[in-house]
Amino acid sequence: MAARCLTHLQSLEAESIHIMREIASEFERPVLLFSGGKDSICLLRFAEKAFRPGRFPFPLMHIDTGHNFPELIQFRDRKAKQLGETLIVRTVTDAIQKSIAKPVPGEISRNRLQTPTLLSAIEEFRFDCAIGGARRDEEKARAKERIFSFRDAFGQWDPKNQRPELWNIYNARVHPGEHMRAFPLSNWTEKDVWQYINKEKLEIPSIYFSHPRELLRRQNQWLPISEYIQPRPKENTANLRVRVRTIGDITCTGCIESDASTIQQIIEEVSAARVTERGGRADDKRSETSMEDRKKEGYF
């Protein structure tokens, strides 16, 4: 009998499910970081396929900046309730009030403040593995990550001191106070993710599709006008049909002009794109090393 050949997506899915099960078997207190974005939606699907009909062997957790797209938070809460899984939310606002996170005067984006908030939550619940949706194709620094990315007792990442991963064998050993970040989507691309969402018919937040929105032009990109970010004198504003490719703090998440109203149209748009997915994130443009510096401090 001829061996069954897996398609590209089936092969990626099988690897990701294997990683999920490795995490469940190797760690005592893992957690899945769920923001409601497209990548973490795929992680939920892998968890369903790996562990259903049982409960997930880990809770879900969102580090909430407080500067979010309302559509995203509504989707996050609805999805967690639909799955019947525990959702932990820790907010940057609370972290600021407790002096865990310290804002920099004049800095609007709260993405940087997610780091101390996340590390505090990991310490609070004694999590020994945080499962994230980062992919290697997103950004240069993330391309240096292993699938199991070791973090020291301070939650910091040293790209020059990571463990080899040969033949899909992962070293999950951590001492008390240390933890691991695990990335089941490491070998996926943005296009793979959208093709998988299409194949599995997964629900996604409406802001991924084309919709009208009030915007302002800043740093060569269109940013959503909201209670957190308002036009400055002489800044251009417009009402355009746009969508988002990546979701972060609403104050720094650029929108792209688009008429894509179906997932197939999004796939076609992504296939033709010449700008990286995170090219629309204003806080990633501060310097070439900004993401790597933040990751060394403990960022996702």
C-alpha atoms as a PDB file:
ATOM      1  CA  MET A   1       0.000   0.000   0.000  1.00  0.00           C
ATOM      2  CA  ALA A   2       1.468   3.352  -1.018  1.00  0.00           C
ATOM      3  CA  ALA A   3       2.344   5.769   1.756  1.00  0.00           C
ATOM      4  CA  ARG A   4       0.064   8.776   2.019  1.00  0.00           C
ATOM      5  CA  CYS A   5       1.778  12.028   1.083  1.00  0.00           C
ATOM      6  CA  LEU A   6       0.921  15.047   3.200  1.00  0.00           C
ATOM      7  CA  THR A   7       0.240  18.391   1.607  1.00  0.00           C
ATOM      8  CA  HIS A   8       2.334  21.396   2.582  1.00  0.00           C
ATOM      9  CA  LEU A   9      -0.296  22.614   5.064  1.00  0.00           C
ATOM     10  CA  GLN A  10      -0.887  19.146   6.497  1.00  0.00           C
ATOM     11  CA  SER A  11       2.843  18.753   7.124  1.00  0.00           C
ATOM     12  CA  LEU A  12       3.031  22.113   8.900  1.00  0.00           C
ATOM     13  CA  GLU A  13      -0.074  21.321  10.930  1.00  0.00           C
ATOM     14  CA  ALA A  14       1.294  17.929  11.989  1.00  0.00           C
ATOM     15  CA  GLU A  15       4.516  19.559  13.213  1.00  0.00           C
ATOM     16  CA  SER A  16       2.589  22.196  15.163  1.00  0.00           C
ATOM     17  CA  ILE A  17       0.329  19.613  16.815  1.00  0.00           C
ATOM     18  CA  HIS A  18       3.426  17.598  17.724  1.00  0.00           C
ATOM     19  CA  ILE A  19       4.940  20.709  19.341  1.00  0.00           C
ATOM     20  CA  MET A  20       1.729  21.309  21.318  1.00  0.00           C
ATOM     21  CA  ARG A  21       1.828  17.760  22.671  1.00  0.00           C
ATOM     22  CA  GLU A  22       5.537  18.049  23.488  1.00  0.00           C
ATOM     23  CA  ILE A  23       4.768  21.178  25.515  1.00  0.00           C
ATOM     24  CA  ALA A  24       1.975  19.413  27.407  1.00  0.00           C
ATOM     25  CA  SER A  25       4.218  16.463  28.224  1.00  0.00           C
ATOM     26  CA  GLU A  26       7.375  18.402  29.148  1.00  0.00           C
ATOM     27  CA  PHE A  27       6.083  21.327  31.217  1.00  0.00           C
ATOM     28  CA  GLU A  28       4.103  21.490  34.440  1.00  0.00           C
ATOM     29  CA  ARG A  29       2.492  24.922  34.011  1.00  0.00           C
ATOM     30  CA  PRO A  30       2.316  26.051  30.364  1.00  0.00           C
ATOM     31  CA  VAL A  31       0.106  28.896  29.114  1.00  0.00           C
ATOM     32  CA  LEU A  32      -1.075  29.844  25.622  1.00  0.00           C
ATOM     33  CA  LEU A  33      -0.807  33.538  24.765  1.00  0.00           C
ATOM     34  CA  PHE A  34      -4.045  34.443  23.002  1.00  0.00           C
ATOM     35  CA  SER A  35      -4.562  37.957  21.648  1.00  0.00           C
ATOM     36  CA  GLY A  36      -7.372  37.216  19.206  1.00  0.00           C
ATOM     37  CA  GLY A  37      -5.021  37.757  16.258  1.00  0.00           C
ATOM     38  CA  LYS A  38      -4.791  35.396  13.295  1.00  0.00           C
ATOM     39  CA  ASP A  39      -1.684  33.543  14.521  1.00  0.00           C
ATOM     40  CA  SER A  40      -3.058  32.821  17.987  1.00  0.00           C
ATOM     41  CA  ILE A  41      -6.333  31.703  16.369  1.00  0.00           C
ATOM     42  CA  CYS A  42      -4.308  29.018  14.577  1.00  0.00           C
ATOM     43  CA  LEU A  43      -2.714  28.019  17.897  1.00  0.00           C
ATOM     44  CA  LEU A  44      -6.184  27.434  19.339  1.00  0.00           C
ATOM     45  CA  ARG A  45      -6.998  25.199  16.388  1.00  0.00           C
ATOM     46  CA  PHE A  46      -3.833  23.137  16.938  1.00  0.00           C
ATOM     47  CA  ALA A  47      -4.749  22.786  20.616  1.00  0.00           C
ATOM     48  CA  GLU A  48      -8.221  21.594  19.676  1.00  0.00           C
ATOM     49  CA  LYS A  49      -6.799  18.960  17.341  1.00  0.00           C
ATOM     50  CA  ALA A  50      -4.139  17.924  19.861  1.00  0.00           C
ATOM     51  CA  PHE A  51      -6.308  17.618  22.988  1.00  0.00           C
ATOM     52  CA  ARG A  52     -10.048  17.515  22.227  1.00  0.00           C
ATOM     53  CA  PRO A  53     -12.427  16.163  23.433  1.00  0.00           C
ATOM     54  CA  GLY A  54     -10.556  16.918  26.661  1.00  0.00           C
ATOM     55  CA  ARG A  55      -9.843  20.381  28.056  1.00  0.00           C
ATOM     56  CA  PHE A  56      -6.677  22.175  27.038  1.00  0.00           C
ATOM     57  CA  PRO A  57      -3.809  21.351  29.433  1.00  0.00           C
ATOM     58  CA  PHE A  58      -3.153  25.061  29.823  1.00  0.00           C
ATOM     59  CA  PRO A  59      -5.103  28.315  30.257  1.00  0.00           C
ATOM     60  CA  LEU A  60      -5.214  31.145  27.725  1.00  0.00           C
ATOM     61  CA  MET A  61      -3.676  34.496  28.612  1.00  0.00           C
ATOM     62  CA  HIS A  62      -3.771  37.946  27.028  1.00  0.00           C
ATOM     63  CA  ILE A  63      -1.471  40.815  27.953  1.00  0.00           C
ATOM     64  CA  ASP A  64      -3.835  43.713  27.275  1.00  0.00           C
ATOM     65  CA  THR A  65      -2.277  47.092  26.456  1.00  0.00           C
ATOM     66  CA  GLY A  66      -5.577  48.886  27.045  1.00  0.00           C
ATOM     67  CA  HIS A  67      -5.058  50.501  23.625  1.00  0.00           C
ATOM     68  CA  ASN A  68      -6.849  47.883  21.578  1.00  0.00           C
ATOM     69  CA  PHE A  69      -9.140  47.661  18.598  1.00  0.00           C
ATOM     70  CA  PRO A  70     -12.571  47.116  20.241  1.00  0.00           C
ATOM     71  CA  GLU A  71     -13.395  44.467  17.627  1.00  0.00           C
ATOM     72  CA  LEU A  72     -10.413  42.419  18.786  1.00  0.00           C
ATOM     73  CA  ILE A  73     -11.360  42.354  22.473  1.00  0.00           C
ATOM     74  CA  GLN A  74     -14.934  41.375  21.634  1.00  0.00           C
ATOM     75  CA  PHE A  75     -13.636  38.515  19.495  1.00  0.00           C
ATOM     76  CA  ARG A  76     -11.131  37.409  22.179  1.00  0.00           C
ATOM     77  CA  ASP A  77     -13.773  37.122  24.886  1.00  0.00           C
ATOM     78  CA  ARG A  78     -16.325  35.443  22.625  1.00  0.00           C
ATOM     79  CA  LYS A  79     -13.810  32.865  21.391  1.00  0.00           C
ATOM     80  CA  ALA A  80     -12.620  31.906  24.887  1.00  0.00           C
ATOM     81  CA  LYS A  81     -16.232  31.519  26.026  1.00  0.00           C
ATOM     82  CA  GLN A  82     -17.071  29.471  22.943  1.00  0.00           C
ATOM     83  CA  LEU A  83     -14.198  27.080  23.654  1.00  0.00           C
ATOM     84  CA  GLY A  84     -15.034  26.864  27.359  1.00  0.00           C
ATOM     85  CA  GLU A  85     -11.398  27.503  28.291  1.00  0.00           C
ATOM     86  CA  THR A  86      -9.971  29.691  31.059  1.00  0.00           C
ATOM     87  CA  LEU A  87      -8.865  33.143  29.892  1.00  0.00           C
ATOM     88  CA  ILE A  88      -6.473  35.145  32.069  1.00  0.00           C
ATOM     89  CA  VAL A  89      -6.180  38.856  31.283  1.00  0.00           C
ATOM     90  CA  ARG A  90      -3.419  41.034  32.714  1.00  0.00           C
ATOM     91  CA  THR A  91      -3.456  44.688  31.711  1.00  0.00           C
ATOM     92  CA  VAL A  92      -0.715  47.233  31.181  1.00  0.00           C
ATOM     93  CA  THR A  93      -2.975  49.767  32.941  1.00  0.00           C
ATOM     94  CA  ASP A  94      -2.909  47.711  36.153  1.00  0.00           C
ATOM     95  CA  ALA A  95       0.829  47.130  35.756  1.00  0.00           C
ATOM     96  CA  ILE A  96       1.391  50.895  35.544  1.00  0.00           C
ATOM     97  CA  GLN A  97      -0.704  51.483  38.677  1.00  0.00           C
ATOM     98  CA  LYS A  98       1.347  48.849  40.544  1.00  0.00           C
ATOM     99  CA  SER A  99       4.636  50.349  39.232  1.00  0.00           C
ATOM    100  CA  ILE A 100       5.419  47.096  37.431  1.00  0.00           C
ATOM    101  CA  ALA A 101       5.505  48.960  34.114  1.00  0.00           C
ATOM    102  CA  LYS A 102       6.794  52.506  33.818  1.00  0.00           C
ATOM    103  CA  PRO A 103       5.695  54.662  30.871  1.00  0.00           C
ATOM    104  CA  VAL A 104       8.202  56.896  29.127  1.00  0.00           C
ATOM    105  CA  PRO A 105       6.998  60.521  28.897  1.00  0.00           C
ATOM    106  CA  GLY A 106       5.815  61.286  25.376  1.00  0.00           C
ATOM    107  CA  GLU A 107       5.591  57.617  24.309  1.00  0.00           C
ATOM    108  CA  ILE A 108       2.028  56.816  23.233  1.00  0.00           C
ATOM    109  CA  SER A 109       2.376  53.135  22.291  1.00  0.00           C
ATOM    110  CA  ARG A 110       2.122  50.642  25.132  1.00  0.00           C
ATOM    111  CA  ASN A 111       3.690  47.715  23.260  1.00  0.00           C
ATOM    112  CA  ARG A 112       6.961  48.130  25.150  1.00  0.00           C
ATOM    113  CA  LEU A 113       5.066  48.040  28.469  1.00  0.00           C
ATOM    114  CA  GLN A 114       3.721  44.580  27.647  1.00  0.00           C
ATOM    115  CA  THR A 115       7.136  43.110  28.526  1.00  0.00           C
ATOM    116  CA  PRO A 116       7.156  43.792  32.297  1.00  0.00           C
ATOM    117  CA  THR A 117       3.429  42.999  32.408  1.00  0.00           C
ATOM    118  CA  LEU A 118       4.035  39.611  30.783  1.00  0.00           C
ATOM    119  CA  LEU A 119       7.019  38.778  32.991  1.00  0.00           C
ATOM    120  CA  SER A 120       5.015  39.704  36.086  1.00  0.00           C
ATOM    121  CA  ALA A 121       2.145  37.431  35.000  1.00  0.00           C
ATOM    122  CA  ILE A 122       4.549  34.539  34.325  1.00  0.00           C
ATOM    123  CA  GLU A 123       5.967  34.982  37.822  1.00  0.00           C
ATOM    124  CA  GLU A 124       2.501  35.355  39.385  1.00  0.00           C
ATOM    125  CA  PHE A 125       1.224  32.047  37.983  1.00  0.00           C
ATOM    126  CA  ARG A 126       4.627  30.307  37.938  1.00  0.00           C
ATOM    127  CA  PHE A 127       4.267  29.467  34.252  1.00  0.00           C
ATOM    128  CA  ASP A 128       7.229  27.491  32.918  1.00  0.00           C
ATOM    129  CA  CYS A 129       6.321  27.764  29.228  1.00  0.00           C
ATOM    130  CA  ALA A 130       4.517  30.501  27.303  1.00  0.00           C
ATOM    131  CA  ILE A 131       3.188  29.421  23.899  1.00  0.00           C
ATOM    132  CA  GLY A 132       3.221  32.248  21.366  1.00  0.00           C
ATOM    133  CA  GLY A 133       2.269  32.787  17.738  1.00  0.00           C
ATOM    134  CA  ALA A 134       5.509  34.367  16.500  1.00  0.00           C
ATOM    135  CA  ARG A 135       6.761  33.261  13.079  1.00  0.00           C
ATOM    136  CA  ARG A 136      10.297  33.440  11.695  1.00  0.00           C
ATOM    137  CA  ASP A 137       9.232  35.319   8.567  1.00  0.00           C
ATOM    138  CA  GLU A 138       7.817  38.261  10.546  1.00  0.00           C
ATOM    139  CA  GLU A 139      11.019  40.063  11.450  1.00  0.00           C
ATOM    140  CA  LYS A 140      14.824  39.609  11.513  1.00  0.00           C
ATOM    141  CA  ALA A 141      15.078  39.131  15.276  1.00  0.00           C
ATOM    142  CA  ARG A 142      12.308  36.550  15.296  1.00  0.00           C
ATOM    143  CA  ALA A 143      14.168  34.597  12.619  1.00  0.00           C
ATOM    144  CA  LYS A 144      16.836  33.925  15.268  1.00  0.00           C
ATOM    145  CA  GLU A 145      14.371  32.179  17.581  1.00  0.00           C
ATOM    146  CA  ARG A 146      14.340  28.458  18.192  1.00  0.00           C
ATOM    147  CA  ILE A 147      10.967  26.693  18.413  1.00  0.00           C
ATOM    148  CA  PHE A 148      11.714  26.238  22.127  1.00  0.00           C
ATOM    149  CA  SER A 149      13.276  29.570  23.080  1.00  0.00           C
ATOM    150  CA  PHE A 150      14.950  29.582  26.494  1.00  0.00           C
ATOM    151  CA  ARG A 151      14.485  32.530  28.875  1.00  0.00           C
ATOM    152  CA  ASP A 152      16.634  33.007  31.971  1.00  0.00           C
ATOM    153  CA  ALA A 153      15.525  33.786  35.536  1.00  0.00           C
ATOM    154  CA  PHE A 154      15.037  37.432  34.524  1.00  0.00           C
ATOM    155  CA  GLY A 155      12.863  36.480  31.539  1.00  0.00           C
ATOM    156  CA  GLN A 156      15.573  37.591  29.133  1.00  0.00           C
ATOM    157  CA  TRP A 157      16.518  36.074  25.774  1.00  0.00           C
ATOM    158  CA  ASP A 158      20.115  35.623  24.622  1.00  0.00           C
ATOM    159  CA  PRO A 159      20.146  34.883  20.867  1.00  0.00           C
ATOM    160  CA  LYS A 160      23.744  33.595  21.138  1.00  0.00           C
ATOM    161  CA  ASN A 161      22.891  31.100  23.862  1.00  0.00           C
ATOM    162  CA  GLN A 162      20.038  29.029  22.448  1.00  0.00           C
ATOM    163  CA  ARG A 163      19.794  25.268  22.374  1.00  0.00           C
ATOM    164  CA  PRO A 164      20.201  23.209  19.186  1.00  0.00           C
ATOM    165  CA  GLU A 165      17.072  21.544  17.794  1.00  0.00           C
ATOM    166  CA  LEU A 166      18.118  18.559  15.724  1.00  0.00           C
ATOM    167  CA  TRP A 167      15.678  15.988  14.313  1.00  0.00           C
ATOM    168  CA  ASN A 168      12.723  17.749  15.994  1.00  0.00           C
ATOM    169  CA  ILE A 169      14.098  16.966  19.448  1.00  0.00           C
ATOM    170  CA  TYR A 170      13.518  19.802  21.916  1.00  0.00           C
ATOM    171  CA  ASN A 171      15.404  20.432  25.148  1.00  0.00           C
ATOM    172  CA  ALA A 172      12.714  21.643  27.536  1.00  0.00           C
ATOM    173  CA  ARG A 173      14.761  21.620  30.740  1.00  0.00           C
ATOM    174  CA  VAL A 174      14.392  24.741  32.886  1.00  0.00           C
ATOM    175  CA  HIS A 175      15.376  25.507  36.471  1.00  0.00           C
ATOM    176  CA  PRO A 176      12.967  27.148  38.934  1.00  0.00           C
ATOM    177  CA  GLY A 177      12.419  30.772  37.909  1.00  0.00           C
ATOM    178  CA  GLU A 178      13.414  30.139  34.291  1.00  0.00           C
ATOM    179  CA  HIS A 179      10.910  29.504  31.550  1.00  0.00           C
ATOM    180  CA  MET A 180      10.559  28.654  27.895  1.00  0.00           C
ATOM    181  CA  ARG A 181       8.781  30.401  25.057  1.00  0.00           C
ATOM    182  CA  ALA A 182       7.447  27.937  22.486  1.00  0.00           C
ATOM    183  CA  PHE A 183       6.489  28.867  18.927  1.00  0.00           C
ATOM    184  CA  PRO A 184       4.505  26.158  17.086  1.00  0.00           C
ATOM    185  CA  LEU A 185       4.155  28.494  14.072  1.00  0.00           C
ATOM    186  CA  SER A 186       7.891  29.009  13.628  1.00  0.00           C
ATOM    187  CA  ASN A 187       8.049  27.338  10.219  1.00  0.00           C
ATOM    188  CA  TRP A 188       4.871  28.966   8.882  1.00  0.00           C
ATOM    189  CA  THR A 189       4.635  32.048   6.692  1.00  0.00           C
ATOM    190  CA  GLU A 190       1.932  34.705   6.666  1.00  0.00           C
ATOM    191  CA  LYS A 191       0.520  33.125   3.490  1.00  0.00           C
ATOM    192  CA  ASP A 192       0.514  29.665   5.129  1.00  0.00           C
ATOM    193  CA  VAL A 193      -1.500  31.051   8.034  1.00  0.00           C
ATOM    194  CA  TRP A 194      -4.135  32.562   5.757  1.00  0.00           C
ATOM    195  CA  GLN A 195      -4.351  29.411   3.643  1.00  0.00           C
ATOM    196  CA  TYR A 196      -4.850  27.381   6.825  1.00  0.00           C
ATOM    197  CA  ILE A 197      -7.551  29.749   8.096  1.00  0.00           C
ATOM    198  CA  ASN A 198      -9.254  29.377   4.729  1.00  0.00           C
ATOM    199  CA  LYS A 199      -8.945  25.583   4.751  1.00  0.00           C
ATOM    200  CA  GLU A 200     -10.210  25.222   8.335  1.00  0.00           C
ATOM    201  CA  LYS A 201     -12.892  27.921   7.902  1.00  0.00           C
ATOM    202  CA  LEU A 202     -11.760  29.674  11.086  1.00  0.00           C
ATOM    203  CA  GLU A 203     -13.532  32.783  12.325  1.00  0.00           C
ATOM    204  CA  ILE A 204     -11.342  35.896  12.497  1.00  0.00           C
ATOM    205  CA  PRO A 205     -11.856  39.472  13.771  1.00  0.00           C
ATOM    206  CA  SER A 206     -13.602  41.763  11.295  1.00  0.00           C
ATOM    207  CA  ILE A 207     -10.688  44.250  11.168  1.00  0.00           C
ATOM    208  CA  TYR A 208      -8.715  41.798   9.002  1.00  0.00           C
ATOM    209  CA  PHE A 209     -11.240  42.463   6.238  1.00  0.00           C
ATOM    210  CA  SER A 210     -11.673  45.708   4.312  1.00  0.00           C
ATOM    211  CA  HIS A 211     -13.778  48.251   6.203  1.00  0.00           C
ATOM    212  CA  PRO A 212     -14.152  52.051   6.311  1.00  0.00           C
ATOM    213  CA  ARG A 213     -12.152  53.826   9.020  1.00  0.00           C
ATOM    214  CA  GLU A 214     -11.100  57.342   9.979  1.00  0.00           C
ATOM    215  CA  LEU A 215      -7.305  57.589   9.672  1.00  0.00           C
ATOM    216  CA  LEU A 216      -4.434  60.004  10.034  1.00  0.00           C
ATOM    217  CA  ARG A 217      -1.174  59.997   8.089  1.00  0.00           C
ATOM    218  CA  ARG A 218       1.929  59.695  10.294  1.00  0.00           C
ATOM    219  CA  GLN A 219       5.372  58.145   9.696  1.00  0.00           C
ATOM    220  CA  ASN A 220       4.353  57.305   6.118  1.00  0.00           C
ATOM    221  CA  GLN A 221       1.466  55.119   7.179  1.00  0.00           C
ATOM    222  CA  TRP A 222      -2.237  55.333   7.951  1.00  0.00           C
ATOM    223  CA  LEU A 223      -2.997  55.063  11.679  1.00  0.00           C
ATOM    224  CA  PRO A 224      -6.522  54.681  13.087  1.00  0.00           C
ATOM    225  CA  ILE A 225      -7.955  57.763  14.765  1.00  0.00           C
ATOM    226  CA  SER A 226      -9.168  56.790  18.237  1.00  0.00           C
ATOM    227  CA  GLU A 227      -9.458  58.141  21.757  1.00  0.00           C
ATOM    228  CA  TYR A 228      -5.758  57.301  22.156  1.00  0.00           C
ATOM    229  CA  ILE A 229      -4.394  58.982  19.032  1.00  0.00           C
ATOM    230  CA  GLN A 230      -5.681  62.203  17.475  1.00  0.00           C
ATOM    231  CA  PRO A 231      -4.473  64.228  14.481  1.00  0.00           C
ATOM    232  CA  ARG A 232      -1.815  66.837  15.107  1.00  0.00           C
ATOM    233  CA  PRO A 233      -1.919  70.220  13.357  1.00  0.00           C
ATOM    234  CA  LYS A 234      -1.331  69.896   9.595  1.00  0.00           C
ATOM    235  CA  GLU A 235      -1.527  66.075   9.641  1.00  0.00           C
ATOM    236  CA  ASN A 236      -3.547  64.618   6.793  1.00  0.00           C
ATOM    237  CA  THR A 237      -6.721  62.712   7.678  1.00  0.00           C
ATOM    238  CA  ALA A 238      -9.021  60.594   5.517  1.00  0.00           C
ATOM    239  CA  ASN A 239     -11.837  58.078   5.579  1.00  0.00           C
ATOM    240  CA  LEU A 240     -10.590  55.065   3.608  1.00  0.00           C
ATOM    241  CA  ARG A 241     -11.369  51.399   3.099  1.00  0.00           C
ATOM    242  CA  VAL A 242      -8.563  49.601   4.917  1.00  0.00           C
ATOM    243  CA  ARG A 243      -7.679  46.466   6.803  1.00  0.00           C
ATOM    244  CA  VAL A 244      -4.882  45.373   9.155  1.00  0.00           C
ATOM    245  CA  ARG A 245      -2.253  42.720   8.445  1.00  0.00           C
ATOM    246  CA  THR A 246      -0.944  42.483  12.003  1.00  0.00           C
ATOM    247  CA  ILE A 247      -2.606  43.513  15.238  1.00  0.00           C
ATOM    248  CA  GLY A 248      -0.956  45.414  18.068  1.00  0.00           C
ATOM    249  CA  ASP A 249      -1.430  48.597  20.049  1.00  0.00           C
ATOM    250  CA  ILE A 250      -3.957  50.670  18.065  1.00  0.00           C
ATOM    251  CA  THR A 251      -1.695  53.730  18.332  1.00  0.00           C
ATOM    252  CA  CYS A 252       1.056  52.148  16.220  1.00  0.00           C
ATOM    253  CA  THR A 253      -0.721  49.581  14.049  1.00  0.00           C
ATOM    254  CA  GLY A 254      -0.761  50.825  10.483  1.00  0.00           C
ATOM    255  CA  CYS A 255      -3.678  50.047   8.188  1.00  0.00           C
ATOM    256  CA  ILE A 256      -3.348  49.227   4.510  1.00  0.00           C
ATOM    257  CA  GLU A 257      -5.729  50.373   1.814  1.00  0.00           C
ATOM    258  CA  SER A 258      -7.575  47.293   0.648  1.00  0.00           C
ATOM    259  CA  ASP A 259     -10.788  45.996  -0.889  1.00  0.00           C
ATOM    260  CA  ALA A 260     -10.183  42.429   0.362  1.00  0.00           C
ATOM    261  CA  SER A 261     -13.479  41.237   1.827  1.00  0.00           C
ATOM    262  CA  THR A 262     -12.837  37.468   1.719  1.00  0.00           C
ATOM    263  CA  ILE A 263      -9.990  35.284   2.937  1.00  0.00           C
ATOM    264  CA  GLN A 264      -9.179  34.246  -0.628  1.00  0.00           C
ATOM    265  CA  GLN A 265      -8.765  37.906  -1.559  1.00  0.00           C
ATOM    266  CA  ILE A 266      -6.488  38.382   1.467  1.00  0.00           C
ATOM    267  CA  ILE A 267      -4.353  35.427   0.298  1.00  0.00           C
ATOM    268  CA  GLU A 268      -4.019  37.002  -3.144  1.00  0.00           C
ATOM    269  CA  GLU A 269      -3.118  40.358  -1.590  1.00  0.00           C
ATOM    270  CA  VAL A 270      -0.491  38.820   0.715  1.00  0.00           C
ATOM    271  CA  SER A 271       1.005  36.863  -2.217  1.00  0.00           C
ATOM    272  CA  ALA A 272       1.571  40.116  -4.118  1.00  0.00           C
ATOM    273  CA  ALA A 273       2.804  42.156  -1.136  1.00  0.00           C
ATOM    274  CA  ARG A 274       6.324  43.592  -1.224  1.00  0.00           C
ATOM    275  CA  VAL A 275       6.302  44.953   2.336  1.00  0.00           C
ATOM    276  CA  THR A 276       6.691  42.642   5.334  1.00  0.00           C
ATOM    277  CA  GLU A 277       3.763  42.042   7.635  1.00  0.00           C
ATOM    278  CA  ARG A 278       5.278  44.095  10.467  1.00  0.00           C
ATOM    279  CA  GLY A 279       6.241  46.865   8.063  1.00  0.00           C
ATOM    280  CA  GLY A 280       3.024  48.514   9.199  1.00  0.00           C
ATOM    281  CA  ARG A 281       3.998  48.636  12.868  1.00  0.00           C
ATOM    282  CA  ALA A 282       5.320  52.105  13.730  1.00  0.00           C
ATOM    283  CA  ASP A 283       7.084  50.964  16.897  1.00  0.00           C
ATOM    284  CA  ASP A 284       9.146  48.452  14.896  1.00  0.00           C
ATOM    285  CA  LYS A 285      10.653  51.278  12.840  1.00  0.00           C
ATOM    286  CA  ARG A 286      12.553  53.041  15.586  1.00  0.00           C
ATOM    287  CA  SER A 287      15.775  51.227  14.709  1.00  0.00           C
ATOM    288  CA  GLU A 288      16.925  48.023  13.049  1.00  0.00           C
ATOM    289  CA  THR A 289      17.634  46.474  16.454  1.00  0.00           C
ATOM    290  CA  SER A 290      14.496  47.645  18.283  1.00  0.00           C
ATOM    291  CA  MET A 291      12.704  44.272  18.119  1.00  0.00           C
ATOM    292  CA  GLU A 292      15.827  42.343  19.091  1.00  0.00           C
ATOM    293  CA  ASP A 293      16.479  44.677  22.023  1.00  0.00           C
ATOM    294  CA  ARG A 294      12.904  44.272  23.232  1.00  0.00           C
ATOM    295  CA  LYS A 295      13.077  40.494  22.862  1.00  0.00           C
ATOM    296  CA  LYS A 296      16.263  40.409  24.940  1.00  0.00           C
ATOM    297  CA  GLU A 297      14.292  42.187  27.664  1.00  0.00           C
ATOM    298  CA  GLY A 298      11.525  39.562  27.540  1.00  0.00           C
ATOM    299  CA  TYR A 299       9.140  40.713  24.788  1.00  0.00           C
ATOM    300  CA  PHE A 300       6.976  38.084  23.035  1.00  0.00           C
END
